[in-house]
Protein backbone atom coordinates (compact mmCIF):
# COMPACT_ATOMS: atom_id res chain seq x y z
CA MET A 1 0.04 0.05 -0.10
CA LEU A 2 3.08 2.18 1.35
CA ALA A 3 4.07 2.13 -2.99
CA LEU A 4 0.60 2.92 -4.46
CA CYS A 5 0.45 5.64 -2.08
CA LEU A 6 3.51 7.33 -2.62
CA LEU A 7 2.65 7.07 -6.67
CA MET A 8 -0.83 8.91 -5.75
CA ALA A 9 0.97 12.05 -4.29
CA ALA A 10 3.37 11.97 -7.08
CA ALA A 11 0.76 11.91 -9.79
CA PRO A 12 -1.32 14.25 -10.89
CA GLY A 13 -5.08 14.87 -11.43
CA TRP A 14 -6.80 12.14 -12.97
CA ALA A 15 -7.45 12.97 -16.29
CA ALA A 16 -11.02 11.83 -17.47
CA THR A 17 -9.80 11.70 -21.00
CA SER A 18 -7.56 8.78 -20.58
CA VAL A 19 -7.39 5.38 -22.29
CA PHE A 20 -7.50 3.35 -18.79
CA ASP A 21 -10.56 5.29 -17.74
CA PRO A 22 -12.15 1.72 -18.36
CA LEU A 23 -9.83 0.32 -16.35
CA ARG A 24 -10.18 2.97 -12.96
CA GLY A 25 -14.01 0.66 -11.28
CA GLU A 26 -12.02 -2.69 -12.11
CA LEU A 27 -8.89 -1.56 -9.90
CA ILE A 28 -11.44 -0.05 -7.40
CA GLU A 29 -13.61 -2.99 -6.80
CA GLN A 30 -10.18 -5.14 -6.21
CA GLY A 31 -9.56 -3.21 -2.99
CA TYR A 32 -7.97 -0.05 -3.96
CA SER A 33 -9.60 3.76 -3.07
CA PRO A 34 -10.33 5.84 -5.94
CA SER A 35 -6.94 7.86 -4.59
CA GLN A 36 -4.65 4.68 -4.95
CA VAL A 37 -6.34 3.86 -8.67
CA ASP A 38 -6.21 7.42 -9.69
CA GLY A 39 -2.56 7.82 -8.64
CA LEU A 40 -1.53 4.73 -10.16
CA LEU A 41 -2.96 5.05 -13.50
CA THR A 42 -1.52 8.88 -13.84
CA ALA A 43 1.84 8.34 -12.79
CA LYS A 44 4.63 9.06 -14.43
CA GLY A 45 5.64 6.68 -17.12
CA VAL A 46 2.07 4.98 -17.34
CA ARG A 47 0.99 4.99 -20.98
CA PHE A 48 -0.65 2.87 -23.80
CA GLU A 49 2.25 1.33 -25.57
CA SER A 50 0.66 1.29 -29.12
CA LYS A 51 3.76 0.36 -30.74
CA LEU A 52 4.23 -2.88 -28.66
CA MET A 53 0.92 -4.20 -29.00
CA ALA A 54 1.17 -3.68 -32.60
CA ALA A 55 4.20 -5.63 -32.71
CA LEU A 56 2.83 -8.46 -30.16
CA LEU A 57 -0.81 -8.81 -31.78
CA ALA A 58 -0.01 -8.37 -35.53
CA PRO A 59 2.18 -11.19 -36.06
CA ARG A 60 0.99 -14.48 -36.93
CA GLU A 61 2.65 -17.15 -34.22
CA SER A 62 3.45 -19.67 -37.52
CA SER A 63 5.60 -17.12 -38.12
CA LEU A 64 7.83 -17.88 -35.63
CA ASN A 65 11.45 -19.46 -35.93
CA TYR A 66 11.58 -21.78 -33.30
CA GLY A 67 13.68 -23.49 -35.09
CA GLN A 68 16.73 -21.62 -33.62
CA PHE A 69 16.61 -23.28 -30.27
CA LEU A 70 17.71 -26.53 -31.62
CA GLY A 71 20.96 -25.46 -32.98
CA LYS A 72 24.88 -25.71 -31.98
CA LYS A 73 25.30 -22.92 -29.91
CA PRO A 74 21.84 -23.15 -28.34
CA VAL A 75 22.65 -26.80 -27.08
CA ALA A 76 25.65 -25.97 -25.57
CA ALA A 77 24.39 -22.78 -23.88
CA GLY A 78 22.17 -25.73 -22.53
CA LYS A 79 24.72 -28.07 -21.58
CA ARG A 80 26.80 -25.72 -20.12
CA PHE A 81 24.17 -24.53 -17.71
CA MET A 82 22.80 -27.63 -16.78
CA LYS A 83 26.55 -28.66 -15.97
CA LYS A 84 26.67 -25.16 -13.74
CA TYR A 85 23.19 -25.90 -12.16
CA ALA A 86 23.76 -29.61 -11.46
CA HIS A 87 22.82 -29.59 -8.05
CA SER A 88 19.94 -27.32 -8.42
CA LEU A 89 18.54 -29.18 -10.99
CA ALA A 90 19.08 -32.50 -9.74
CA LYS A 91 17.08 -31.04 -6.65
CA ALA A 92 14.09 -29.57 -8.58
CA SER A 93 13.64 -33.13 -10.35
CA ALA A 94 13.97 -35.22 -7.43
CA GLU A 95 11.18 -33.39 -6.19
CA SER A 96 8.84 -32.88 -8.84
CA LYS A 97 9.87 -35.63 -11.22
CA VAL A 98 10.18 -32.92 -13.80
CA PRO A 99 13.30 -33.87 -15.76
CA GLY A 100 16.52 -31.65 -15.71
CA GLU A 101 16.48 -31.42 -19.89
CA VAL A 102 12.85 -30.32 -19.98
CA VAL A 103 13.70 -27.32 -17.45
CA VAL A 104 16.32 -26.12 -19.16
CA ALA A 105 15.01 -26.44 -22.33
CA ILE A 106 12.07 -24.30 -21.75
CA LEU A 107 14.25 -21.53 -20.06
CA THR A 108 16.34 -21.54 -23.03
CA VAL A 109 13.15 -20.74 -25.58
CA GLU A 110 11.52 -18.66 -23.30
CA SER A 111 14.89 -16.31 -22.47
CA ARG A 112 17.95 -18.15 -23.95
CA LEU A 113 18.57 -18.70 -20.60
CA GLY A 114 18.17 -15.62 -19.27
CA TYR A 115 19.74 -13.17 -21.74
CA TYR A 116 16.34 -11.95 -23.22
CA VAL A 117 13.80 -11.76 -19.61
CA GLY A 118 12.43 -8.05 -21.18
CA ARG A 119 13.43 -5.02 -21.11
CA TRP A 120 9.63 -3.07 -21.10
CA SER A 121 6.96 -2.18 -17.75
CA ALA A 122 5.00 -5.02 -17.00
CA PHE A 123 1.96 -2.33 -15.80
CA ASN A 124 2.40 -1.11 -19.06
CA VAL A 125 1.99 -3.41 -21.41
CA LEU A 126 -0.79 -5.51 -19.50
CA ALA A 127 -3.02 -2.16 -18.81
CA SER A 128 -2.49 -1.71 -22.50
CA GLN A 129 -4.08 -5.57 -23.43
CA ALA A 130 -7.03 -4.79 -20.84
CA VAL A 131 -8.18 -1.94 -22.71
CA LEU A 132 -7.98 -3.69 -26.39
CA ASP A 133 -11.86 -4.06 -26.25
CA THR A 134 -12.47 -0.30 -25.96
CA PRO A 135 -12.68 2.56 -29.01
CA GLU A 136 -9.80 4.54 -27.88
CA ALA A 137 -7.43 1.93 -27.32
CA GLN A 138 -7.81 0.63 -30.75
CA ARG A 139 -7.47 4.20 -32.37
CA LEU A 140 -4.63 4.75 -30.78
CA LEU A 141 -3.59 1.13 -32.01
CA ALA A 142 -4.73 1.57 -35.29
CA LYS A 143 -1.56 4.04 -36.08
CA ARG A 144 0.83 1.83 -35.21
CA TRP A 145 -1.25 -1.14 -37.13
CA PRO A 146 0.92 -2.85 -40.07
CA LYS A 147 -1.31 -0.80 -43.06
CA LYS A 148 -0.83 -3.59 -45.05
CA LYS A 149 -3.11 -5.60 -42.26
CA ARG A 150 -5.42 -2.41 -41.32
CA ALA A 151 -8.41 -4.15 -42.33
CA GLN A 152 -8.09 -6.92 -40.12
CA LEU A 153 -9.02 -4.60 -36.84
CA ASP A 154 -12.08 -4.07 -37.96
CA THR A 155 -13.34 -7.68 -38.38
CA ALA A 156 -15.15 -9.56 -36.07
CA LYS A 157 -12.68 -11.99 -35.60
CA THR A 158 -9.99 -9.62 -34.27
CA GLN A 159 -12.73 -8.12 -32.04
CA ARG A 160 -13.57 -11.26 -30.26
CA ARG A 161 -9.98 -12.15 -30.10
CA PHE A 162 -9.13 -8.19 -28.56
CA ALA A 163 -12.25 -8.64 -25.81
CA LYS A 164 -10.46 -12.21 -25.27
CA ARG A 165 -7.27 -10.53 -24.66
CA ALA A 166 -8.50 -7.57 -22.81
CA ALA A 167 -10.25 -9.97 -20.14
CA TRP A 168 -7.46 -12.03 -19.44
CA ALA A 169 -5.12 -8.88 -18.99
CA ARG A 170 -7.42 -7.68 -16.43
CA ARG A 171 -6.88 -10.59 -14.66
CA GLU A 172 -3.39 -10.60 -14.84
CA LEU A 173 -3.06 -6.89 -14.07
CA GLY A 174 -5.12 -7.74 -10.98
CA SER A 175 -2.69 -10.71 -10.08
CA LEU A 176 0.52 -7.82 -10.60
CA LEU A 177 -1.01 -5.58 -8.41
CA LYS A 178 -0.96 -8.98 -5.39
CA LEU A 179 2.32 -9.55 -6.31
CA ALA A 180 3.39 -5.75 -5.67
CA LYS A 181 1.73 -5.65 -2.57
CA LYS A 182 3.19 -8.98 -1.20
CA GLU A 183 6.48 -8.12 -1.84
CA GLY A 184 6.27 -4.50 -1.03
CA ARG A 185 6.84 -2.88 -4.37
CA SER A 186 5.85 -0.27 -6.55
CA PRO A 187 3.53 -2.06 -9.13
CA LEU A 188 5.17 -0.04 -11.69
CA SER A 189 9.02 -1.63 -10.84
CA TYR A 190 8.32 -4.81 -12.52
CA LYS A 191 9.83 -5.21 -15.65
CA GLY A 192 8.71 -7.97 -19.20
CA SER A 193 8.48 -8.89 -22.38
CA VAL A 194 5.66 -7.06 -24.31
CA ALA A 195 3.08 -9.71 -23.29
CA GLY A 196 4.02 -9.03 -19.42
CA ALA A 197 5.70 -12.40 -18.63
CA MET A 198 9.03 -12.13 -16.44
CA GLY A 199 12.07 -13.72 -15.75
CA MET A 200 13.75 -16.53 -16.84
CA ALA A 201 11.06 -18.94 -16.88
CA GLN A 202 8.64 -15.79 -18.20
CA PHE A 203 5.71 -16.65 -15.72
CA MET A 204 2.76 -14.14 -15.79
CA PRO A 205 1.94 -12.35 -12.57
CA SER A 206 -0.70 -15.10 -11.77
CA SER A 207 1.65 -18.17 -12.72
CA LEU A 208 4.58 -16.62 -10.59
CA LEU A 209 2.01 -15.86 -7.86
CA ARG A 210 0.39 -19.99 -7.53
CA TRP A 211 3.55 -21.33 -8.79
CA GLY A 212 6.47 -19.61 -7.89
CA LYS A 213 8.88 -21.00 -5.58
CA ASP A 214 12.14 -20.18 -4.07
CA GLY A 215 14.63 -22.37 -4.89
CA ASN A 216 17.31 -20.91 -3.11
CA ASN A 217 15.45 -20.30 0.18
CA ASP A 218 17.02 -16.85 0.57
CA GLY A 219 13.44 -15.29 1.62
CA ASN A 220 13.12 -13.38 -2.15
CA LEU A 221 11.38 -15.21 -5.02
CA ASP A 222 13.25 -13.73 -8.16
CA LEU A 223 12.21 -15.62 -11.59
CA THR A 224 16.00 -13.94 -13.07
CA HIS A 225 17.54 -16.29 -10.61
CA PRO A 226 18.59 -19.35 -12.16
CA VAL A 227 17.97 -21.67 -8.66
CA ASP A 228 14.35 -20.41 -8.20
CA ALA A 229 13.39 -20.36 -12.28
CA ILE A 230 14.52 -24.24 -12.22
CA PHE A 231 12.22 -24.41 -9.11
CA SER A 232 8.97 -22.41 -10.27
CA VAL A 233 9.31 -24.20 -13.72
CA ALA A 234 9.84 -27.44 -12.26
CA ASN A 235 7.25 -26.64 -9.90
CA TYR A 236 4.83 -25.75 -12.59
CA LEU A 237 4.83 -28.70 -15.05
CA LYS A 238 4.84 -30.92 -11.85
CA ALA A 239 1.11 -29.11 -11.20
CA HIS A 240 0.33 -29.26 -14.54
CA GLY A 241 0.54 -33.01 -14.92
CA TRP A 242 4.09 -34.12 -15.31
CA LYS A 243 5.18 -37.21 -13.99
CA PRO A 244 7.48 -40.08 -14.75
CA GLY A 245 6.19 -42.67 -17.76
CA LEU A 246 4.17 -40.00 -19.61
CA SER A 247 3.57 -41.01 -23.05
CA TYR A 248 5.39 -38.07 -25.90
CA GLN A 249 1.37 -36.71 -26.18
CA ARG A 250 0.99 -36.58 -22.73
CA LYS A 251 4.40 -34.79 -22.40
CA PHE A 252 3.07 -32.28 -25.29
CA LYS A 253 0.04 -31.59 -23.68
CA VAL A 254 2.07 -30.42 -20.39
CA ILE A 255 4.07 -28.07 -22.11
CA LEU A 256 0.92 -26.78 -24.01
CA THR A 257 0.00 -25.58 -20.93
CA TYR A 258 2.86 -23.69 -20.24
CA ASN A 259 2.74 -21.91 -23.91
CA ASN A 260 -0.45 -22.70 -26.29
CA SER A 261 1.56 -23.43 -29.19
CA LYS A 262 1.65 -26.86 -31.01
CA PRO A 263 5.03 -25.07 -32.40
CA TYR A 264 6.47 -24.68 -28.86
CA ALA A 265 5.92 -27.58 -27.64
CA LYS A 266 7.62 -29.23 -30.15
CA THR A 267 10.47 -27.75 -30.12
CA VAL A 268 10.45 -27.85 -25.92
CA LEU A 269 10.54 -31.81 -26.61
CA ALA A 270 13.24 -31.50 -29.10
CA LEU A 271 15.43 -29.79 -27.31
CA ALA A 272 14.78 -31.39 -23.95
CA ALA A 273 15.90 -34.46 -26.14
CA ARG A 274 19.19 -32.95 -27.60
CA LEU A 275 20.63 -31.77 -23.97
CA ARG A 276 19.99 -35.89 -22.60
């Protein structure tokens, strides 16, 4: 609460024309006072990320090159990581029954073993996604949308997609605020990907709250730390059905819960096989 109070004191008055107006009532329903919400949504640096949203939403998932993670360099880097963190991987595997190579494969595909964890404001990107179903957000987004794909924005399919994503982002934004309260941090201090995923494991706030694990027992859950990331990924996969003796198809389905992309799941399992 202290972080929100500080934001409130530093922020200018509430702007009635803000693109984030639709979030105000929802955040108040989550337990924040109107003044706290107004302070947060009008704080310096809070903005609608139209350019990032266009980059996130315009490309097709099938256009992503997952094959890049199966080359010699990623495999060699994964093996070095496994050697360096052999003790933690063995301990996490003993607790979760998830093989270390599967954990490392996910960390490789998600963040290149921590090399790329994202540098954008998690609050901004989640808030931007949370209002995608509103006219003002779509007006701003249209300015950055690829001209050749401009007609997509007005289709019923895209509108349904935006409505679904906005509902999801509002839940994740609520989880981010809960996480900030729990850790005594400002909601604006978290950095992540263009979708709002954080750390080596690229957990969304709700996943971090539910399945994040302090692997090194230092009292601080930090997914930019390899050991915490290892234990958190293993804990997540265990919770979603990973166990010894699974068939390839069952493993595939568990990986899909992490990222609902068949090319992603196929790549993770192929990389894990090369890391054995």
